[in-house]
Protein backbone atom coordinates (compact mmCIF):
# COMPACT_ATOMS: atom_id res chain seq x y z
CA MET A 1 -25.17 6.62 -3.98
CA ARG A 2 -25.14 2.87 -3.51
CA GLU A 3 -24.15 1.38 -0.18
CA LEU A 4 -21.23 -0.69 -1.51
CA SER A 5 -18.95 -0.61 -4.53
CA VAL A 6 -17.03 -3.82 -5.25
CA VAL A 7 -13.89 -3.08 -7.28
CA ILE A 8 -12.41 -6.06 -9.12
CA THR A 9 -9.20 -5.75 -11.17
CA VAL A 10 -8.82 -8.44 -13.82
CA LEU A 11 -6.12 -9.51 -16.24
CA ASN A 12 -6.85 -12.52 -18.45
CA GLU A 13 -9.51 -14.02 -16.15
CA ARG A 14 -12.08 -14.95 -18.83
CA ASP A 15 -13.13 -18.27 -17.32
CA ASN A 16 -13.58 -16.79 -13.83
CA ILE A 17 -16.02 -14.00 -14.74
CA GLU A 18 -19.30 -15.93 -14.89
CA PRO A 19 -18.83 -17.92 -11.65
CA LEU A 20 -17.49 -14.83 -9.85
CA LEU A 21 -20.55 -12.77 -10.77
CA ALA A 22 -22.82 -15.62 -9.69
CA GLU A 23 -21.11 -15.79 -6.30
CA ILE A 24 -21.30 -12.01 -5.85
CA ARG A 25 -25.02 -11.90 -6.68
CA SER A 26 -25.71 -14.66 -4.20
CA ALA A 27 -23.54 -13.21 -1.41
CA LEU A 28 -24.68 -9.58 -1.74
CA SER A 29 -28.38 -10.12 -2.43
CA THR A 30 -29.39 -8.08 0.65
CA ILE A 31 -27.01 -5.17 -0.05
CA ASP A 32 -27.42 -2.26 -2.45
CA TYR A 33 -24.20 -2.80 -4.36
CA GLU A 34 -22.43 -2.23 -7.66
CA VAL A 35 -19.55 -4.17 -9.22
CA ILE A 36 -16.84 -2.29 -11.08
CA PHE A 37 -14.56 -4.45 -13.18
CA VAL A 38 -11.30 -2.86 -14.24
CA ASP A 39 -9.72 -4.69 -17.16
CA ASP A 40 -5.96 -4.15 -17.04
CA GLY A 41 -5.14 -4.94 -20.66
CA SER A 42 -6.55 -8.49 -20.98
CA SER A 43 -5.92 -10.31 -24.25
CA ASP A 44 -8.06 -13.43 -23.72
CA GLY A 45 -11.57 -12.02 -24.17
CA THR A 46 -12.17 -11.14 -20.51
CA GLN A 47 -13.93 -7.92 -21.56
CA LYS A 48 -16.42 -9.83 -23.73
CA GLU A 49 -17.24 -12.19 -20.87
CA ILE A 50 -17.92 -9.27 -18.53
CA ARG A 51 -20.27 -7.64 -21.07
CA LYS A 52 -21.98 -10.96 -21.73
CA HIS A 53 -22.82 -11.69 -18.11
CA ALA A 54 -23.24 -8.13 -16.78
CA ASP A 55 -26.46 -6.68 -15.39
CA ASN A 56 -27.47 -3.18 -14.34
CA ARG A 57 -25.29 -3.42 -11.23
CA ASN A 58 -22.12 -4.09 -13.22
CA SER A 59 -19.79 -1.75 -15.06
CA LEU A 60 -16.51 -2.23 -16.89
CA VAL A 61 -13.56 0.16 -17.00
CA GLU A 62 -11.21 -0.88 -19.80
CA LEU A 63 -7.67 0.43 -19.53
CA ARG A 64 -5.77 1.03 -22.77
CA LYS A 65 -2.91 -1.26 -21.75
CA ASN A 66 -1.56 -3.22 -18.80
CA TYR A 67 -0.69 -0.59 -16.19
CA GLY A 68 -0.41 -2.91 -13.20
CA GLN A 69 -2.72 -3.80 -10.33
CA SER A 70 -2.12 -0.61 -8.34
CA THR A 71 -3.16 1.67 -11.21
CA ALA A 72 -6.14 -0.56 -11.99
CA MET A 73 -7.30 -0.37 -8.37
CA THR A 74 -7.04 3.41 -8.46
CA ALA A 75 -9.13 3.52 -11.65
CA GLY A 76 -11.80 1.35 -10.02
CA ILE A 77 -11.94 3.47 -6.88
CA ASP A 78 -12.17 6.63 -9.01
CA HIS A 79 -15.24 5.24 -10.79
CA ALA A 80 -16.92 3.86 -7.66
CA SER A 81 -20.00 5.58 -6.26
CA GLY A 82 -20.62 3.54 -3.10
CA LYS A 83 -20.51 4.75 0.48
CA TYR A 84 -18.17 1.85 1.18
CA ILE A 85 -15.65 0.31 -1.21
CA ALA A 86 -14.52 -3.30 -1.30
CA LEU A 87 -11.49 -4.64 -3.17
CA ILE A 88 -11.48 -8.27 -4.27
CA ASP A 89 -9.42 -10.38 -6.68
CA GLY A 90 -10.98 -11.64 -9.89
CA ASP A 91 -9.45 -15.12 -9.71
CA LEU A 92 -12.08 -16.72 -7.40
CA GLN A 93 -9.52 -17.25 -4.64
CA ASN A 94 -11.22 -14.61 -2.48
CA ASP A 95 -14.77 -15.50 -1.45
CA PRO A 96 -17.49 -12.82 -1.90
CA SER A 97 -19.49 -14.44 0.92
CA ASP A 98 -17.05 -12.83 3.38
CA ILE A 99 -18.00 -9.33 2.28
CA PRO A 100 -21.32 -8.89 4.17
CA SER A 101 -19.84 -9.80 7.57
CA MET A 102 -16.79 -7.58 6.94
CA LEU A 103 -19.04 -4.68 5.96
CA GLN A 104 -21.19 -5.20 9.04
CA LYS A 105 -18.12 -5.23 11.28
CA LEU A 106 -16.86 -2.01 9.71
CA LYS A 107 -20.18 -0.27 10.33
CA ASP A 108 -20.99 -1.70 13.77
CA GLU A 109 -17.52 -1.13 15.26
CA ASP A 110 -16.75 2.05 13.29
CA TRP A 111 -13.54 0.85 11.64
CA ASP A 112 -12.12 2.73 8.66
CA VAL A 113 -10.68 -0.42 7.08
CA VAL A 114 -11.46 -4.11 7.53
CA ALA A 115 -8.81 -6.29 5.91
CA GLY A 116 -8.94 -9.99 5.16
CA ASN A 117 -6.53 -12.56 6.54
CA ARG A 118 -6.23 -15.79 4.54
CA ALA A 119 -6.13 -18.06 7.57
CA ASN A 120 -6.07 -21.26 5.51
CA ARG A 121 -4.29 -20.36 2.28
CA LYS A 122 -4.69 -22.72 -0.67
CA ASP A 123 -1.33 -21.89 -2.24
CA GLY A 124 1.98 -23.67 -2.64
CA MET A 125 4.04 -23.86 0.54
CA PHE A 126 7.52 -22.95 -0.67
CA LEU A 127 6.75 -20.65 -3.59
CA ARG A 128 3.90 -18.69 -2.02
CA LYS A 129 3.26 -19.30 1.69
CA VAL A 130 6.80 -19.21 3.08
CA PRO A 131 7.95 -16.12 1.11
CA SER A 132 4.67 -14.41 2.05
CA LYS A 133 5.14 -15.10 5.77
CA ILE A 134 8.69 -13.76 5.66
CA ALA A 135 7.64 -10.66 3.72
CA ASN A 136 4.70 -10.00 6.08
CA ALA A 137 6.99 -10.25 9.12
CA ILE A 138 9.52 -7.82 7.61
CA ILE A 139 6.82 -5.33 6.61
CA ARG A 140 5.21 -5.42 10.06
CA ARG A 141 8.57 -4.90 11.73
CA MET A 142 9.71 -2.03 9.52
CA THR A 143 6.43 -0.12 9.15
CA GLY A 144 4.89 -0.68 12.59
CA VAL A 145 1.53 -1.57 10.99
CA TYR A 146 0.64 -4.95 12.44
CA ILE A 147 -1.46 -6.71 9.83
CA LYS A 148 -1.04 -10.48 9.53
CA ASP A 149 -1.64 -10.76 5.80
CA TYR A 150 -0.57 -7.90 3.55
CA GLY A 151 -1.11 -9.97 0.43
CA CYS A 152 -4.85 -10.51 0.79
CA THR A 153 -6.66 -8.25 -1.68
CA LEU A 154 -10.03 -8.56 0.07
CA LYS A 155 -10.54 -5.35 2.03
CA ILE A 156 -13.40 -2.96 2.76
CA PHE A 157 -12.94 0.79 3.26
CA LYS A 158 -14.94 3.83 4.12
CA ARG A 159 -15.13 5.85 0.93
CA GLU A 160 -13.05 8.80 2.13
CA ILE A 161 -10.17 6.51 3.09
CA ALA A 162 -10.18 4.64 -0.24
CA GLU A 163 -10.26 7.86 -2.25
CA ASP A 164 -7.07 9.19 -0.65
CA LEU A 165 -5.00 6.00 -0.60
CA GLY A 166 -2.70 7.20 -3.36
CA ILE A 167 -2.06 3.73 -4.81
CA TYR A 168 0.52 4.06 -7.58
CA GLY A 169 3.45 2.07 -8.91
CA GLU A 170 3.27 -1.29 -7.10
CA LEU A 171 2.02 0.02 -3.74
CA HIS A 172 -1.19 -2.05 -3.64
CA ARG A 173 0.74 -4.48 -1.42
CA PHE A 174 1.06 -1.73 1.18
CA ILE A 175 -2.56 -0.53 1.28
CA PRO A 176 -2.77 -0.95 5.10
CA VAL A 177 0.31 1.27 5.47
CA LEU A 178 -1.12 3.86 3.08
CA ALA A 179 -4.38 3.85 5.05
CA LYS A 180 -2.49 4.19 8.33
CA LEU A 181 -0.72 7.26 6.95
CA GLN A 182 -4.18 8.87 6.87
CA GLY A 183 -4.75 7.90 10.50
CA ALA A 184 -7.21 5.16 9.54
CA SER A 185 -8.31 2.62 12.12
CA ILE A 186 -7.69 -0.90 10.78
CA THR A 187 -8.75 -4.34 11.87
CA GLN A 188 -8.34 -7.74 10.28
CA VAL A 189 -10.63 -10.77 10.14
CA ASP A 190 -10.08 -14.31 8.92
CA VAL A 191 -11.53 -14.96 5.47
CA LYS A 192 -11.91 -17.97 3.24
CA HIS A 193 -9.37 -18.70 0.53
CA HIS A 194 -9.71 -21.06 -2.43
CA ALA A 195 -7.24 -22.69 -4.77
CA ARG A 196 -7.12 -21.21 -8.27
CA ILE A 197 -9.18 -23.28 -10.73
CA HIS A 198 -9.05 -21.25 -13.95
CA GLY A 199 -6.26 -19.15 -15.42
CA THR A 200 -2.71 -18.69 -14.24
CA SER A 201 -1.28 -16.76 -11.31
CA LYS A 202 0.22 -13.34 -12.03
CA TYR A 203 2.55 -13.60 -9.05
CA GLY A 204 5.98 -15.16 -8.69
CA LEU A 205 9.23 -14.98 -6.77
CA GLY A 206 10.37 -12.17 -9.06
CA ARG A 207 8.10 -9.73 -7.24
CA THR A 208 10.17 -10.12 -4.05
CA PHE A 209 12.64 -7.46 -5.15
CA LYS A 210 9.80 -5.08 -6.06
CA VAL A 211 8.28 -5.58 -2.62
CA MET A 212 11.59 -4.81 -0.90
CA ALA A 213 12.09 -1.67 -3.00
CA ASP A 214 8.55 -0.47 -2.25
CA LEU A 215 9.09 -1.28 1.43
CA VAL A 216 11.85 1.33 1.60
CA THR A 217 9.40 3.87 0.19
CA MET A 218 6.73 2.89 2.71
CA VAL A 219 9.12 3.12 5.67
CA PHE A 220 10.07 6.62 4.55
CA PHE A 221 6.41 7.65 4.10
CA ARG A 222 5.41 6.10 7.42
CA LYS A 223 8.16 7.65 9.55
CA TYR A 224 9.68 10.61 7.76
CA ILE A 225 7.31 12.08 5.16
CA GLN A 226 6.73 15.20 7.29
CA LYS A 227 10.21 15.29 8.84
CA PRO A 228 12.79 14.08 6.26
CA MET A 229 15.55 16.03 8.03
CA HIS A 230 15.23 13.60 10.94
CA LEU A 231 16.37 10.81 8.63
CA PHE A 232 18.92 12.53 6.41
CA GLY A 233 20.12 14.89 9.12
CA THR A 234 20.68 12.12 11.65
CA MET A 235 22.65 10.01 9.18
CA GLY A 236 24.51 13.10 7.97
CA PHE A 237 25.60 14.27 11.40
CA ILE A 238 26.67 10.75 12.39
CA SER A 239 28.73 10.42 9.22
CA PHE A 240 30.15 13.94 9.55
CA GLY A 241 30.99 13.40 13.22
CA ILE A 242 32.84 10.14 12.60
CA GLY A 243 34.69 11.79 9.73
CA ILE A 244 35.75 14.65 12.02
CA LEU A 245 37.00 12.22 14.68
CA ILE A 246 39.03 10.29 12.11
CA ASN A 247 40.57 13.44 10.72
CA VAL A 248 41.38 14.80 14.19
CA TYR A 249 43.10 11.49 14.97
CA LEU A 250 45.10 11.72 11.74
CA LEU A 251 46.00 15.32 12.49
CA ILE A 252 47.42 14.26 15.85
CA LEU A 253 49.46 11.54 14.11
CA LYS A 254 50.74 14.10 11.63
CA LEU A 255 51.75 16.51 14.38
CA MET A 256 53.64 13.62 16.02
CA GLY A 257 55.68 13.25 12.85
CA GLN A 258 54.00 10.20 11.34
CA ASP A 259 53.25 9.90 7.64
CA ILE A 260 49.48 9.68 7.11
CA TRP A 261 49.37 9.98 3.32
CA GLY A 262 47.88 6.94 1.61
CA LYS A 263 46.39 5.45 4.74
CA PRO A 264 42.96 3.83 4.08
CA ILE A 265 41.59 5.53 7.18
CA LEU A 266 42.39 8.92 5.61
CA ILE A 267 40.27 8.08 2.59
CA LEU A 268 37.49 6.79 4.87
CA GLY A 269 37.55 10.02 6.88
CA LEU A 270 37.25 12.18 3.78
CA ILE A 271 34.41 10.04 2.38
CA LEU A 272 32.49 10.27 5.65
CA LEU A 273 32.93 14.05 5.78
CA ILE A 274 31.67 14.51 2.24
CA ALA A 275 28.82 12.02 2.74
CA GLY A 276 27.76 13.81 5.93
CA ILE A 277 27.63 17.18 4.18
CA GLN A 278 25.64 15.68 1.28
CA LEU A 279 23.13 13.93 3.54
CA ILE A 280 22.51 17.10 5.54
CA THR A 281 22.05 18.99 2.27
CA PHE A 282 19.58 16.34 1.04
CA GLY A 283 17.68 16.72 4.29
CA ILE A 284 17.36 20.49 3.85
CA LEU A 285 16.21 20.09 0.24
CA ALA A 286 13.71 17.41 1.26
CA GLU A 287 12.31 19.71 3.97
CA ILE A 288 11.87 22.45 1.37
CA ASN A 289 10.04 20.01 -0.95
CA VAL A 290 7.75 18.84 1.86
CA ARG A 291 6.83 22.42 2.74
CA THR A 292 6.24 23.22 -0.94
CA TYR A 293 4.01 20.13 -1.26
CA PHE A 294 1.80 20.93 1.72
CA GLU A 295 1.70 24.71 1.35
CA GLY A 296 1.54 24.80 -2.46
CA THR A 297 -1.37 22.35 -2.63
CA ASN A 298 -3.14 23.62 0.50
CA ARG A 299 -3.00 20.11 1.96
CA LYS A 300 -3.20 19.75 5.70
CA THR A 301 -0.54 17.89 7.65
CA TYR A 302 -3.34 16.26 9.67
CA GLN A 303 -6.74 14.67 9.18
CA VAL A 304 -9.79 15.13 11.41
CA ARG A 305 -11.86 12.02 12.05
CA ARG A 306 -14.93 13.78 13.49
CA ILE A 307 -15.94 16.91 15.40
CA PHE A 308 -18.33 16.91 18.36
CA ASN A 309 -19.89 20.25 19.26
CA GLY A 310 -22.07 19.16 22.18
CA GLN A 311 -25.17 18.48 20.11
CA ASN A 312 -24.12 16.40 17.16
CA GLU A 313 -21.13 14.89 15.49
CA LYS A 314 -19.82 15.99 12.15
CA LEU A 315 -17.54 13.75 10.16
CA GLU A 316 -14.60 15.60 8.67
CA HIS A 317 -12.05 14.71 6.03
CA SER A 318 -9.23 17.19 5.75
């Protein structure tokens, strides 16, 4: 087992491969490392460049088509053999020279994850920086995971944390939240950031809606994955209760001889009653699914960091 596996996902980054490998070799010369490139369906000859400049520390995982960055990261982690795993972009905007100090901090201070914070971003102000700051603030507020920069790919993990991240869909943006779901300890350090020289950015404003949709998923996972009834049940009983109050009010009006048929409030009361019943039912079904998931797969609802028996410590992952 090598000490460090560096996972790099690439999509049409042909001109960045040679300088990136040169920077990695220089930065990690004192570390026993491997580099795992995951090609996510490149069409510009990126794979040939990787083979051309690779050495015995480099490997290439070619995906059959473009699956997206999250799936590519998962493939890289699955093929990594290092005790620690680093994620880094293949566009030369992250700087490999930050990796040794991040790795040392993780080991010396016993963190599970050390994430990078692009303190001096070399991106456009209105198309990249401002939307990113707004998105980061919303994510911190809604998930309770206080990381300054969710968009920085450069991160280092203990192997057991990386293996169980469960990155699928577009959830690579929420890696700190996924790690926190495992009870991981996370810190963040300032890292260097460079302007893109070769190739074109794969990001744009269109991803904003994907981020917001994934954020809903992350909030649910973070707060309610083991207790969905607390979410659906609370909303259901509130809706049902308001519906009952409205209908009791209308019943009193009816008993007083007033005509209530066709009143908008009558329709609202009925909708709230039905919605309340449905939400409570969803909560019960979600609870059944959660129990089936944990009991059917023998997964624990907790994870043990380490066990101390008076003589030595034993790291656990369960």
